[in-house]
Protein backbone atom coordinates (compact mmCIF):
# COMPACT_ATOMS: atom_id res chain seq x y z
CA MET A 1 3.48 -24.35 -22.61
CA GLU A 2 2.35 -21.04 -21.15
CA ARG A 3 -1.40 -20.50 -20.91
CA PRO A 4 -2.79 -17.25 -22.42
CA GLU A 5 -3.89 -15.90 -19.04
CA GLN A 6 -0.41 -16.44 -17.61
CA LYS A 7 1.03 -14.52 -20.56
CA ASN A 8 -1.41 -11.66 -19.95
CA TYR A 9 -0.70 -11.54 -16.20
CA ARG A 10 3.03 -11.41 -16.98
CA GLU A 11 2.44 -8.63 -19.51
CA ILE A 12 0.38 -6.63 -16.99
CA GLU A 13 3.18 -6.93 -14.43
CA ARG A 14 5.74 -5.83 -17.04
CA LEU A 15 3.67 -2.80 -18.02
CA GLU A 16 3.11 -1.85 -14.39
CA GLY A 17 6.88 -2.05 -13.79
CA LEU A 18 7.56 0.21 -16.78
CA LEU A 19 4.93 2.64 -15.58
CA HIS A 20 6.54 2.76 -12.14
CA GLU A 21 9.99 3.40 -13.68
CA LEU A 22 8.64 6.19 -15.85
CA ARG A 23 6.92 7.90 -12.95
CA GLU A 24 10.08 7.88 -10.83
CA GLY A 25 12.07 10.15 -13.17
CA PRO A 26 11.46 13.71 -14.31
CA ALA A 27 8.66 14.06 -16.85
CA THR A 28 9.43 14.64 -20.51
CA ALA A 29 7.06 14.66 -23.48
CA ARG A 30 8.28 11.20 -24.45
CA LYS A 31 7.73 9.81 -20.95
CA THR A 32 4.28 11.35 -20.77
CA GLU A 33 3.35 9.67 -24.05
CA ALA A 34 4.79 6.35 -22.84
CA ILE A 35 2.76 6.57 -19.62
CA ARG A 36 -0.36 7.28 -21.68
CA GLU A 37 0.30 4.26 -23.92
CA ILE A 38 0.96 1.96 -20.96
CA GLY A 39 -2.23 3.26 -19.38
CA LEU A 40 -4.09 2.04 -22.47
CA GLU A 41 -2.28 -1.30 -22.69
CA ILE A 42 -2.99 -2.39 -19.10
CA PRO A 43 -6.81 -2.23 -19.44
CA LEU A 44 -6.61 -4.13 -22.73
CA ALA A 45 -4.64 -6.92 -21.09
CA VAL A 46 -7.05 -6.95 -18.13
CA ARG A 47 -10.00 -7.11 -20.53
CA GLU A 48 -8.43 -10.09 -22.32
CA VAL A 49 -7.96 -11.92 -19.02
CA GLY A 50 -11.58 -11.19 -18.09
CA ALA A 51 -12.82 -12.45 -21.45
CA MET A 52 -10.84 -15.66 -21.01
CA MET A 53 -12.30 -16.15 -17.54
CA ILE A 54 -15.82 -15.70 -18.93
CA ASN A 55 -15.12 -18.24 -21.67
CA VAL A 56 -13.83 -20.73 -19.11
CA GLY A 57 -16.95 -20.15 -17.02
CA TRP A 58 -19.21 -20.79 -20.01
CA GLU A 59 -17.26 -23.92 -20.93
CA GLN A 60 -17.50 -25.27 -17.39
CA SER A 61 -21.19 -24.42 -17.21
CA TYR A 62 -21.86 -26.12 -20.55
CA ALA A 63 -19.87 -29.21 -19.52
CA ALA A 64 -21.72 -29.44 -16.19
CA ASP A 65 -25.11 -29.03 -17.91
CA ARG A 66 -24.20 -31.64 -20.52
CA SER A 67 -23.04 -34.05 -17.80
CA ARG A 68 -26.33 -33.60 -15.90
CA ARG A 69 -28.35 -34.27 -19.05
CA GLU A 70 -26.34 -37.40 -19.85
CA ASP A 71 -26.78 -38.65 -16.28
CA GLY A 72 -30.53 -38.00 -16.48
CA ASP A 73 -30.91 -39.79 -19.81
CA SER A 74 -29.22 -42.97 -18.55
């Protein structure tokens, strides 16, 4: 099963590819709007990855703290 961060990394790469394709051709109103939308989607995906990394950090920190307390109580 694919982890959420892998899904987001894949989505970021897909959006960056689309952005590159759009920038290669002549600009139209539709392409300009698509570029704008992709420009908004990429930061959202990056933010989600960052939030997941923070959550993992908190979980690891909590688990390490809990383990230290249990070892100290023994």
